[in-house]
Amino acid sequence: METAISRDGTPIAYSRVGRGPSLILVDGALCYRASGPSGPLAAQLADRFTVFTYDRRGRGESGNTAAPDSVGREVEDLGAVITAAGGSAFVYGVSSGAALALEAAHRGLPITRLALYEPPFIVDSSREPIPHDFLARLNTALEQRRRGDVVKMFMKLVQVPAVFIVLMRFMPAWSKLTAVAHTLPYDLAFVKDYQVGTPLPRSRWTGATAPTLVMDGGKSPAWLQNAAQALAQVLPNATHRTLPGQTHMINAKAHVSPLVEFFRDNEVAQTTVASSLSRRG
């Protein structure tokens, strides 16, 4: 484990593996290095990239300095990891981590290429909007230290079947989920304004000008697929891709090929074209 220091002094724990261009993976809700898809995905990508995984603020081995602007602080946290990665990097964000990565690109962090998987926006009537009082109820439960109830509320929100929620409470992973329940408001801060069932504003992320790949899974719910397509349409320099047979749960092997193609192969192609043009000049 290594540590980057964010602008407000918060230590952000990260790991690196592999060799090649720097690629930072940004987790979604309730995930961190020791619990979630980033570790297996990093292992699959390590032969082509130097892959950085990190514990978002308040998770795992990272600090959790109190801050009224959690969005700004989490963007700064990612910025600290980018600095540790050499000053610029490719970034791949998943779910609410995709919304974080997108905001970071919009605010001008040195992200040279950006990939996003299923940011959980609700852009139409394909599912009900987030309840207007959900965040307030979540915060109340946190204040009352009802961490298990907080995780249950979130699982219901993201439409995990009730029977699975009941079963999860008896699994070893449940303690890992409740341990980071207090960070769920950080995730909601990135997405709540875009979970109301209305089209995404075209002017919202105009600063995210880096080449961007927005992906969804072929077996994911329609609302997630619609959100990915809608986001690709409003970003300045984005393309959309569906991964056949995939869901919101990350299968590392299924993500390797499109990520390598987007990050590494396109970079090589651009370098070859630039070199050719230079020789002609």
C-alpha atoms as a PDB file:
ATOM      1  CA  MET A   1       0.000   0.000   0.000  1.00  0.00           C
ATOM      2  CA  GLU A   2       1.050   3.573  -0.768  1.00  0.00           C
ATOM      3  CA  THR A   3      -0.531   6.834   0.331  1.00  0.00           C
ATOM      4  CA  ALA A   4      -1.333  10.060  -1.510  1.00  0.00           C
ATOM      5  CA  ILE A   5      -2.228  13.177   0.464  1.00  0.00           C
ATOM      6  CA  SER A   6      -5.300  15.014  -0.787  1.00  0.00           C
ATOM      7  CA  ARG A   7      -5.499  18.805  -0.778  1.00  0.00           C
ATOM      8  CA  ASP A   8      -7.238  18.942   2.611  1.00  0.00           C
ATOM      9  CA  GLY A   9      -4.669  16.622   4.173  1.00  0.00           C
ATOM     10  CA  THR A  10      -6.695  13.415   3.955  1.00  0.00           C
ATOM     11  CA  PRO A  11      -4.528  10.331   3.308  1.00  0.00           C
ATOM     12  CA  ILE A  12      -5.745   8.300   0.334  1.00  0.00           C
ATOM     13  CA  ALA A  13      -4.527   4.700   0.236  1.00  0.00           C
ATOM     14  CA  TYR A  14      -3.695   3.215  -3.138  1.00  0.00           C
ATOM     15  CA  SER A  15      -1.963   0.265  -4.765  1.00  0.00           C
ATOM     16  CA  ARG A  16      -0.280  -0.118  -8.124  1.00  0.00           C
ATOM     17  CA  VAL A  17       0.369  -3.192 -10.232  1.00  0.00           C
ATOM     18  CA  GLY A  18       1.752  -3.825 -13.705  1.00  0.00           C
ATOM     19  CA  ARG A  19       3.784  -1.838 -16.223  1.00  0.00           C
ATOM     20  CA  GLY A  20       2.788   0.610 -18.923  1.00  0.00           C
ATOM     21  CA  PRO A  21       0.685   3.772 -19.127  1.00  0.00           C
ATOM     22  CA  SER A  22      -1.021   4.769 -15.884  1.00  0.00           C
ATOM     23  CA  LEU A  23      -4.650   3.691 -15.549  1.00  0.00           C
ATOM     24  CA  ILE A  24      -6.685   4.550 -12.437  1.00  0.00           C
ATOM     25  CA  LEU A  25      -9.786   2.548 -11.501  1.00  0.00           C
ATOM     26  CA  VAL A  26     -12.547   4.369  -9.603  1.00  0.00           C
ATOM     27  CA  ASP A  27     -14.944   2.227  -7.581  1.00  0.00           C
ATOM     28  CA  GLY A  28     -18.677   2.638  -7.145  1.00  0.00           C
ATOM     29  CA  ALA A  29     -20.750   2.596  -3.967  1.00  0.00           C
ATOM     30  CA  LEU A  30     -19.647   0.358  -1.068  1.00  0.00           C
ATOM     31  CA  CYS A  31     -16.542  -0.858  -2.927  1.00  0.00           C
ATOM     32  CA  TYR A  32     -12.855  -0.387  -2.147  1.00  0.00           C
ATOM     33  CA  ARG A  33      -9.570  -2.173  -2.795  1.00  0.00           C
ATOM     34  CA  ALA A  34     -10.292  -5.089  -0.466  1.00  0.00           C
ATOM     35  CA  SER A  35     -13.919  -5.479  -1.481  1.00  0.00           C
ATOM     36  CA  GLY A  36     -15.121  -4.987  -5.029  1.00  0.00           C
ATOM     37  CA  PRO A  37     -14.204  -5.454  -8.688  1.00  0.00           C
ATOM     38  CA  SER A  38     -11.121  -3.226  -8.948  1.00  0.00           C
ATOM     39  CA  GLY A  39      -8.613  -5.794  -7.682  1.00  0.00           C
ATOM     40  CA  PRO A  40      -9.557  -8.546 -10.163  1.00  0.00           C
ATOM     41  CA  LEU A  41      -9.821  -6.010 -12.976  1.00  0.00           C
ATOM     42  CA  ALA A  42      -6.402  -4.539 -12.149  1.00  0.00           C
ATOM     43  CA  ALA A  43      -4.878  -8.029 -12.281  1.00  0.00           C
ATOM     44  CA  GLN A  44      -6.373  -8.585 -15.746  1.00  0.00           C
ATOM     45  CA  LEU A  45      -5.023  -5.256 -17.042  1.00  0.00           C
ATOM     46  CA  ALA A  46      -1.575  -5.346 -15.436  1.00  0.00           C
ATOM     47  CA  ASP A  47       0.192  -6.742 -18.504  1.00  0.00           C
ATOM     48  CA  ARG A  48      -0.687  -3.606 -20.483  1.00  0.00           C
ATOM     49  CA  PHE A  49      -0.915  -0.804 -17.900  1.00  0.00           C
ATOM     50  CA  THR A  50       0.358   0.374 -14.562  1.00  0.00           C
ATOM     51  CA  VAL A  51      -2.990   0.049 -12.826  1.00  0.00           C
ATOM     52  CA  PHE A  52      -3.817   2.111  -9.754  1.00  0.00           C
ATOM     53  CA  THR A  53      -6.620   1.139  -7.403  1.00  0.00           C
ATOM     54  CA  TYR A  54      -7.468   3.301  -4.419  1.00  0.00           C
ATOM     55  CA  ASP A  55      -9.762   3.472  -1.427  1.00  0.00           C
ATOM     56  CA  ARG A  56     -12.144   6.350  -1.880  1.00  0.00           C
ATOM     57  CA  ARG A  57     -12.477   8.722   1.067  1.00  0.00           C
ATOM     58  CA  GLY A  58     -13.822   7.004   4.175  1.00  0.00           C
ATOM     59  CA  ARG A  59     -13.223   3.485   2.857  1.00  0.00           C
ATOM     60  CA  GLY A  60     -10.639   0.830   3.539  1.00  0.00           C
ATOM     61  CA  GLU A  61      -7.339   2.381   4.600  1.00  0.00           C
ATOM     62  CA  SER A  62      -8.077   5.948   3.460  1.00  0.00           C
ATOM     63  CA  GLY A  63      -8.904   8.792   5.809  1.00  0.00           C
ATOM     64  CA  ASN A  64     -12.262  10.501   6.086  1.00  0.00           C
ATOM     65  CA  THR A  65     -11.760  14.161   6.920  1.00  0.00           C
ATOM     66  CA  ALA A  66     -15.155  15.800   7.408  1.00  0.00           C
ATOM     67  CA  ALA A  67     -16.038  18.158   4.565  1.00  0.00           C
ATOM     68  CA  PRO A  68     -19.286  19.894   3.559  1.00  0.00           C
ATOM     69  CA  ASP A  69     -18.376  19.591  -0.139  1.00  0.00           C
ATOM     70  CA  SER A  70     -17.817  15.861  -0.539  1.00  0.00           C
ATOM     71  CA  VAL A  71     -17.908  16.122  -4.347  1.00  0.00           C
ATOM     72  CA  GLY A  72     -15.060  18.615  -4.436  1.00  0.00           C
ATOM     73  CA  ARG A  73     -13.039  16.683  -1.895  1.00  0.00           C
ATOM     74  CA  GLU A  74     -13.422  13.380  -3.767  1.00  0.00           C
ATOM     75  CA  VAL A  75     -12.332  15.054  -6.992  1.00  0.00           C
ATOM     76  CA  GLU A  76      -9.254  16.300  -5.147  1.00  0.00           C
ATOM     77  CA  ASP A  77      -8.639  12.786  -3.814  1.00  0.00           C
ATOM     78  CA  LEU A  78      -8.596  11.423  -7.357  1.00  0.00           C
ATOM     79  CA  GLY A  79      -6.332  14.294  -8.319  1.00  0.00           C
ATOM     80  CA  ALA A  80      -3.857  13.236  -5.627  1.00  0.00           C
ATOM     81  CA  VAL A  81      -3.788   9.706  -7.036  1.00  0.00           C
ATOM     82  CA  ILE A  82      -3.266  11.077 -10.560  1.00  0.00           C
ATOM     83  CA  THR A  83      -0.290  13.055  -9.246  1.00  0.00           C
ATOM     84  CA  ALA A  84       1.103   9.877  -7.703  1.00  0.00           C
ATOM     85  CA  ALA A  85       0.599   8.143 -11.052  1.00  0.00           C
ATOM     86  CA  GLY A  86       2.875  10.624 -12.794  1.00  0.00           C
ATOM     87  CA  GLY A  87       0.748  13.719 -13.304  1.00  0.00           C
ATOM     88  CA  SER A  88      -1.722  12.415 -15.875  1.00  0.00           C
ATOM     89  CA  ALA A  89      -3.558   9.152 -16.404  1.00  0.00           C
ATOM     90  CA  PHE A  90      -6.253   7.148 -18.094  1.00  0.00           C
ATOM     91  CA  VAL A  91      -9.267   6.748 -15.783  1.00  0.00           C
ATOM     92  CA  TYR A  92     -11.997   4.106 -15.676  1.00  0.00           C
ATOM     93  CA  GLY A  93     -14.970   4.772 -13.399  1.00  0.00           C
ATOM     94  CA  VAL A  94     -17.732   2.300 -12.580  1.00  0.00           C
ATOM     95  CA  SER A  95     -21.292   3.154 -11.457  1.00  0.00           C
ATOM     96  CA  SER A  96     -21.155   6.141  -9.069  1.00  0.00           C
ATOM     97  CA  GLY A  97     -17.385   6.023  -9.588  1.00  0.00           C
ATOM     98  CA  ALA A  98     -18.126   6.845 -13.216  1.00  0.00           C
ATOM     99  CA  ALA A  99     -19.956   9.980 -12.082  1.00  0.00           C
ATOM    100  CA  LEU A 100     -16.954  10.905  -9.914  1.00  0.00           C
ATOM    101  CA  ALA A 101     -14.510  10.361 -12.770  1.00  0.00           C
ATOM    102  CA  LEU A 102     -16.715  12.367 -15.122  1.00  0.00           C
ATOM    103  CA  GLU A 103     -16.879  15.284 -12.686  1.00  0.00           C
ATOM    104  CA  ALA A 104     -13.111  15.163 -12.243  1.00  0.00           C
ATOM    105  CA  ALA A 105     -12.610  15.355 -16.012  1.00  0.00           C
ATOM    106  CA  HIS A 106     -15.083  18.224 -16.232  1.00  0.00           C
ATOM    107  CA  ARG A 107     -13.178  20.136 -13.532  1.00  0.00           C
ATOM    108  CA  GLY A 108      -9.968  19.855 -15.485  1.00  0.00           C
ATOM    109  CA  LEU A 109      -8.027  17.042 -13.874  1.00  0.00           C
ATOM    110  CA  PRO A 110      -5.321  15.714 -16.249  1.00  0.00           C
ATOM    111  CA  ILE A 111      -7.289  12.711 -17.499  1.00  0.00           C
ATOM    112  CA  THR A 112      -6.060  11.891 -20.990  1.00  0.00           C
ATOM    113  CA  ARG A 113      -8.728   9.284 -21.759  1.00  0.00           C
ATOM    114  CA  LEU A 114     -11.860   8.493 -19.802  1.00  0.00           C
ATOM    115  CA  ALA A 115     -13.959   5.314 -19.721  1.00  0.00           C
ATOM    116  CA  LEU A 116     -17.249   5.102 -17.842  1.00  0.00           C
ATOM    117  CA  TYR A 117     -19.414   2.086 -17.072  1.00  0.00           C
ATOM    118  CA  GLU A 118     -23.104   2.514 -16.279  1.00  0.00           C
ATOM    119  CA  PRO A 119     -23.261   5.773 -14.338  1.00  0.00           C
ATOM    120  CA  PRO A 120     -26.559   5.318 -12.439  1.00  0.00           C
ATOM    121  CA  PHE A 121     -28.467   8.236 -13.896  1.00  0.00           C
ATOM    122  CA  ILE A 122     -32.228   8.035 -14.466  1.00  0.00           C
ATOM    123  CA  VAL A 123     -32.957   9.963 -17.646  1.00  0.00           C
ATOM    124  CA  ASP A 124     -36.493   8.871 -18.566  1.00  0.00           C
ATOM    125  CA  SER A 125     -39.508   6.921 -17.320  1.00  0.00           C
ATOM    126  CA  SER A 126     -37.873   3.491 -17.622  1.00  0.00           C
ATOM    127  CA  ARG A 127     -37.635   3.392 -13.812  1.00  0.00           C
ATOM    128  CA  GLU A 128     -38.954   5.518 -10.980  1.00  0.00           C
ATOM    129  CA  PRO A 129     -36.848   8.499  -9.843  1.00  0.00           C
ATOM    130  CA  ILE A 130     -34.973   8.454  -6.565  1.00  0.00           C
ATOM    131  CA  PRO A 131     -37.379   9.477  -3.734  1.00  0.00           C
ATOM    132  CA  HIS A 132     -36.919  13.151  -2.914  1.00  0.00           C
ATOM    133  CA  ASP A 133     -36.396  12.406   0.776  1.00  0.00           C
ATOM    134  CA  PHE A 134     -34.097   9.415   0.357  1.00  0.00           C
ATOM    135  CA  LEU A 135     -30.843  11.161   1.234  1.00  0.00           C
ATOM    136  CA  ALA A 136     -32.412  12.745   4.324  1.00  0.00           C
ATOM    137  CA  ARG A 137     -33.677   9.360   5.529  1.00  0.00           C
ATOM    138  CA  LEU A 138     -30.299   7.805   4.838  1.00  0.00           C
ATOM    139  CA  ASN A 139     -28.524  10.484   6.865  1.00  0.00           C
ATOM    140  CA  THR A 140     -30.977  10.033   9.729  1.00  0.00           C
ATOM    141  CA  ALA A 141     -30.246   6.310   9.839  1.00  0.00           C
ATOM    142  CA  LEU A 142     -26.519   7.043   9.823  1.00  0.00           C
ATOM    143  CA  GLU A 143     -26.889   9.521  12.675  1.00  0.00           C
ATOM    144  CA  GLN A 144     -28.678   6.783  14.619  1.00  0.00           C
ATOM    145  CA  ARG A 145     -25.834   4.353  13.785  1.00  0.00           C
ATOM    146  CA  ARG A 146     -28.181   1.950  11.995  1.00  0.00           C
ATOM    147  CA  ARG A 147     -25.576   0.899   9.443  1.00  0.00           C
ATOM    148  CA  GLY A 148     -27.351  -2.311   8.492  1.00  0.00           C
ATOM    149  CA  ASP A 149     -30.530  -0.383   7.755  1.00  0.00           C
ATOM    150  CA  VAL A 150     -28.535   2.095   5.665  1.00  0.00           C
ATOM    151  CA  VAL A 151     -27.176  -0.688   3.479  1.00  0.00           C
ATOM    152  CA  LYS A 152     -30.652  -2.229   3.178  1.00  0.00           C
ATOM    153  CA  MET A 153     -32.099   1.128   2.099  1.00  0.00           C
ATOM    154  CA  PHE A 154     -29.454   1.478  -0.557  1.00  0.00           C
ATOM    155  CA  MET A 155     -29.882  -2.085  -1.807  1.00  0.00           C
ATOM    156  CA  LYS A 156     -33.613  -1.521  -2.172  1.00  0.00           C
ATOM    157  CA  LEU A 157     -32.945   1.736  -4.001  1.00  0.00           C
ATOM    158  CA  VAL A 158     -30.776  -0.018  -6.593  1.00  0.00           C
ATOM    159  CA  GLN A 159     -33.414  -2.738  -6.953  1.00  0.00           C
ATOM    160  CA  VAL A 160     -31.598  -5.690  -5.408  1.00  0.00           C
ATOM    161  CA  PRO A 161     -34.290  -8.385  -4.885  1.00  0.00           C
ATOM    162  CA  ALA A 162     -35.524  -8.544  -1.289  1.00  0.00           C
ATOM    163  CA  VAL A 163     -34.574 -12.217  -0.900  1.00  0.00           C
ATOM    164  CA  PHE A 164     -30.945 -11.423  -1.752  1.00  0.00           C
ATOM    165  CA  ILE A 165     -30.872  -8.578   0.745  1.00  0.00           C
ATOM    166  CA  VAL A 166     -32.050 -10.968   3.465  1.00  0.00           C
ATOM    167  CA  LEU A 167     -29.457 -13.574   2.511  1.00  0.00           C
ATOM    168  CA  MET A 168     -26.625 -11.037   2.324  1.00  0.00           C
ATOM    169  CA  ARG A 169     -27.052 -10.200   6.001  1.00  0.00           C
ATOM    170  CA  PHE A 170     -25.763 -13.702   6.823  1.00  0.00           C
ATOM    171  CA  MET A 171     -22.752 -13.591   4.499  1.00  0.00           C
ATOM    172  CA  PRO A 172     -19.195 -12.513   5.427  1.00  0.00           C
ATOM    173  CA  ALA A 173     -19.370  -9.642   2.934  1.00  0.00           C
ATOM    174  CA  TRP A 174     -22.128  -7.969   4.961  1.00  0.00           C
ATOM    175  CA  SER A 175     -19.661  -6.639   7.535  1.00  0.00           C
ATOM    176  CA  LYS A 176     -17.592  -5.072   4.741  1.00  0.00           C
ATOM    177  CA  LEU A 177     -20.680  -3.323   3.388  1.00  0.00           C
ATOM    178  CA  THR A 178     -21.794  -1.958   6.745  1.00  0.00           C
ATOM    179  CA  ALA A 179     -18.235  -0.793   7.492  1.00  0.00           C
ATOM    180  CA  VAL A 180     -18.454   1.741   4.642  1.00  0.00           C
ATOM    181  CA  ALA A 181     -22.172   2.558   4.893  1.00  0.00           C
ATOM    182  CA  HIS A 182     -21.294   6.094   6.013  1.00  0.00           C
ATOM    183  CA  THR A 183     -19.843   6.822   2.551  1.00  0.00           C
ATOM    184  CA  LEU A 184     -23.103   6.285   0.667  1.00  0.00           C
ATOM    185  CA  PRO A 185     -24.025   9.998   0.891  1.00  0.00           C
ATOM    186  CA  TYR A 186     -20.779  10.717  -0.975  1.00  0.00           C
ATOM    187  CA  ASP A 187     -21.971   8.552  -3.876  1.00  0.00           C
ATOM    188  CA  LEU A 188     -25.430  10.076  -3.841  1.00  0.00           C
ATOM    189  CA  ALA A 189     -23.947  13.570  -3.985  1.00  0.00           C
ATOM    190  CA  PHE A 190     -22.616  12.766  -7.454  1.00  0.00           C
ATOM    191  CA  VAL A 191     -25.788  11.231  -8.887  1.00  0.00           C
ATOM    192  CA  LYS A 192     -28.911  12.451  -7.061  1.00  0.00           C
ATOM    193  CA  ASP A 193     -29.517  15.459  -9.327  1.00  0.00           C
ATOM    194  CA  TYR A 194     -29.524  13.139 -12.346  1.00  0.00           C
ATOM    195  CA  GLN A 195     -31.814  10.446 -10.944  1.00  0.00           C
ATOM    196  CA  VAL A 196     -35.043  12.366 -11.416  1.00  0.00           C
ATOM    197  CA  GLY A 197     -36.228  10.945 -14.751  1.00  0.00           C
ATOM    198  CA  THR A 198     -35.396  13.936 -16.947  1.00  0.00           C
ATOM    199  CA  PRO A 199     -32.928  14.262 -19.853  1.00  0.00           C
ATOM    200  CA  LEU A 200     -29.330  15.072 -19.015  1.00  0.00           C
ATOM    201  CA  PRO A 201     -28.409  18.747 -19.493  1.00  0.00           C
ATOM    202  CA  ARG A 202     -26.183  19.228 -22.519  1.00  0.00           C
ATOM    203  CA  SER A 203     -24.172  21.978 -20.856  1.00  0.00           C
ATOM    204  CA  ARG A 204     -23.366  20.092 -17.640  1.00  0.00           C
ATOM    205  CA  TRP A 205     -20.055  18.355 -18.460  1.00  0.00           C
ATOM    206  CA  THR A 206     -18.651  20.510 -21.252  1.00  0.00           C
ATOM    207  CA  GLY A 207     -15.253  20.533 -19.549  1.00  0.00           C
ATOM    208  CA  ALA A 208     -14.882  16.771 -20.043  1.00  0.00           C
ATOM    209  CA  THR A 209     -13.262  17.082 -23.469  1.00  0.00           C
ATOM    210  CA  ALA A 210     -10.944  14.065 -23.340  1.00  0.00           C
ATOM    211  CA  PRO A 211     -11.859  11.118 -25.567  1.00  0.00           C
ATOM    212  CA  THR A 212     -14.485   9.215 -23.599  1.00  0.00           C
ATOM    213  CA  LEU A 213     -15.975   5.742 -23.849  1.00  0.00           C
ATOM    214  CA  VAL A 214     -19.359   5.222 -22.171  1.00  0.00           C
ATOM    215  CA  MET A 215     -20.328   1.573 -21.757  1.00  0.00           C
ATOM    216  CA  ASP A 216     -23.259  -0.463 -20.516  1.00  0.00           C
ATOM    217  CA  GLY A 217     -24.086  -4.141 -20.215  1.00  0.00           C
ATOM    218  CA  GLY A 218     -26.314  -5.958 -22.680  1.00  0.00           C
ATOM    219  CA  LYS A 219     -28.219  -7.623 -19.817  1.00  0.00           C
ATOM    220  CA  SER A 220     -28.436  -4.536 -17.614  1.00  0.00           C
ATOM    221  CA  PRO A 221     -31.794  -2.879 -16.936  1.00  0.00           C
ATOM    222  CA  ALA A 222     -33.095  -0.555 -19.642  1.00  0.00           C
ATOM    223  CA  TRP A 223     -32.725   2.515 -17.437  1.00  0.00           C
ATOM    224  CA  LEU A 224     -28.963   1.976 -17.116  1.00  0.00           C
ATOM    225  CA  GLN A 225     -28.588   1.357 -20.841  1.00  0.00           C
ATOM    226  CA  ASN A 226     -30.628   4.463 -21.616  1.00  0.00           C
ATOM    227  CA  ALA A 227     -28.516   6.535 -19.244  1.00  0.00           C
ATOM    228  CA  ALA A 228     -25.256   5.409 -20.851  1.00  0.00           C
ATOM    229  CA  GLN A 229     -26.529   6.200 -24.329  1.00  0.00           C
ATOM    230  CA  ALA A 230     -27.847   9.576 -23.208  1.00  0.00           C
ATOM    231  CA  LEU A 231     -24.583  10.510 -21.522  1.00  0.00           C
ATOM    232  CA  ALA A 232     -22.540   9.653 -24.609  1.00  0.00           C
ATOM    233  CA  GLN A 233     -24.780  11.954 -26.621  1.00  0.00           C
ATOM    234  CA  VAL A 234     -24.261  14.994 -24.383  1.00  0.00           C
ATOM    235  CA  LEU A 235     -20.505  14.710 -23.820  1.00  0.00           C
ATOM    236  CA  PRO A 236     -18.184  16.673 -26.135  1.00  0.00           C
ATOM    237  CA  ASN A 237     -16.060  13.754 -27.346  1.00  0.00           C
ATOM    238  CA  ALA A 238     -17.728  10.455 -26.465  1.00  0.00           C
ATOM    239  CA  THR A 239     -18.655   7.140 -28.011  1.00  0.00           C
ATOM    240  CA  HIS A 240     -21.000   4.478 -26.676  1.00  0.00           C
ATOM    241  CA  ARG A 241     -20.531   0.721 -26.483  1.00  0.00           C
ATOM    242  CA  THR A 242     -22.618  -2.145 -25.113  1.00  0.00           C
ATOM    243  CA  LEU A 243     -20.864  -5.190 -23.652  1.00  0.00           C
ATOM    244  CA  PRO A 244     -22.926  -8.253 -24.694  1.00  0.00           C
ATOM    245  CA  GLY A 245     -24.135 -10.431 -21.854  1.00  0.00           C
ATOM    246  CA  GLN A 246     -22.884  -8.105 -19.099  1.00  0.00           C
ATOM    247  CA  THR A 247     -24.754  -6.638 -16.132  1.00  0.00           C
ATOM    248  CA  HIS A 248     -24.045  -3.943 -13.561  1.00  0.00           C
ATOM    249  CA  MET A 249     -21.877  -6.485 -11.718  1.00  0.00           C
ATOM    250  CA  ILE A 250     -18.368  -6.255 -13.138  1.00  0.00           C
ATOM    251  CA  ASN A 251     -16.934  -9.340 -14.827  1.00  0.00           C
ATOM    252  CA  ALA A 252     -13.258  -8.420 -15.109  1.00  0.00           C
ATOM    253  CA  LYS A 253     -12.506 -10.557 -18.152  1.00  0.00           C
ATOM    254  CA  ALA A 254     -15.347  -8.999 -20.138  1.00  0.00           C
ATOM    255  CA  HIS A 255     -14.016  -5.473 -19.560  1.00  0.00           C
ATOM    256  CA  VAL A 256     -10.385  -6.051 -20.494  1.00  0.00           C
ATOM    257  CA  SER A 257     -10.694  -6.123 -24.278  1.00  0.00           C
ATOM    258  CA  PRO A 258     -12.766  -2.927 -24.709  1.00  0.00           C
ATOM    259  CA  LEU A 259     -10.567  -1.064 -22.231  1.00  0.00           C
ATOM    260  CA  VAL A 260      -7.328  -2.134 -23.907  1.00  0.00           C
ATOM    261  CA  GLU A 261      -8.770  -1.223 -27.290  1.00  0.00           C
ATOM    262  CA  PHE A 262      -9.868   2.205 -26.085  1.00  0.00           C
ATOM    263  CA  PHE A 263      -6.879   3.137 -23.939  1.00  0.00           C
ATOM    264  CA  ARG A 264      -3.828   1.375 -25.310  1.00  0.00           C
ATOM    265  CA  ASP A 265      -4.547   0.499 -28.935  1.00  0.00           C
ATOM    266  CA  ASN A 266      -6.006   3.906 -29.757  1.00  0.00           C
ATOM    267  CA  GLU A 267      -2.989   5.545 -28.119  1.00  0.00           C
ATOM    268  CA  VAL A 268      -0.637   3.476 -30.272  1.00  0.00           C
ATOM    269  CA  ALA A 269      -2.625   4.355 -33.388  1.00  0.00           C
ATOM    270  CA  GLN A 270      -2.501   8.052 -32.576  1.00  0.00           C
ATOM    271  CA  THR A 271       1.264   7.884 -31.939  1.00  0.00           C
ATOM    272  CA  THR A 272       1.793   6.131 -35.279  1.00  0.00           C
ATOM    273  CA  VAL A 273      -0.229   8.756 -37.167  1.00  0.00           C
ATOM    274  CA  ALA A 274       1.581  11.603 -35.416  1.00  0.00           C
ATOM    275  CA  SER A 275       4.966  10.053 -36.244  1.00  0.00           C
ATOM    276  CA  SER A 276       3.961   9.611 -39.891  1.00  0.00           C
ATOM    277  CA  LEU A 277       2.827  13.215 -40.185  1.00  0.00           C
ATOM    278  CA  SER A 278       6.066  14.381 -38.570  1.00  0.00           C
ATOM    279  CA  ARG A 279       8.166  12.488 -41.128  1.00  0.00           C
ATOM    280  CA  ARG A 280       6.135  13.977 -43.990  1.00  0.00           C
ATOM    281  CA  GLY A 281       6.753  17.461 -42.623  1.00  0.00           C
END
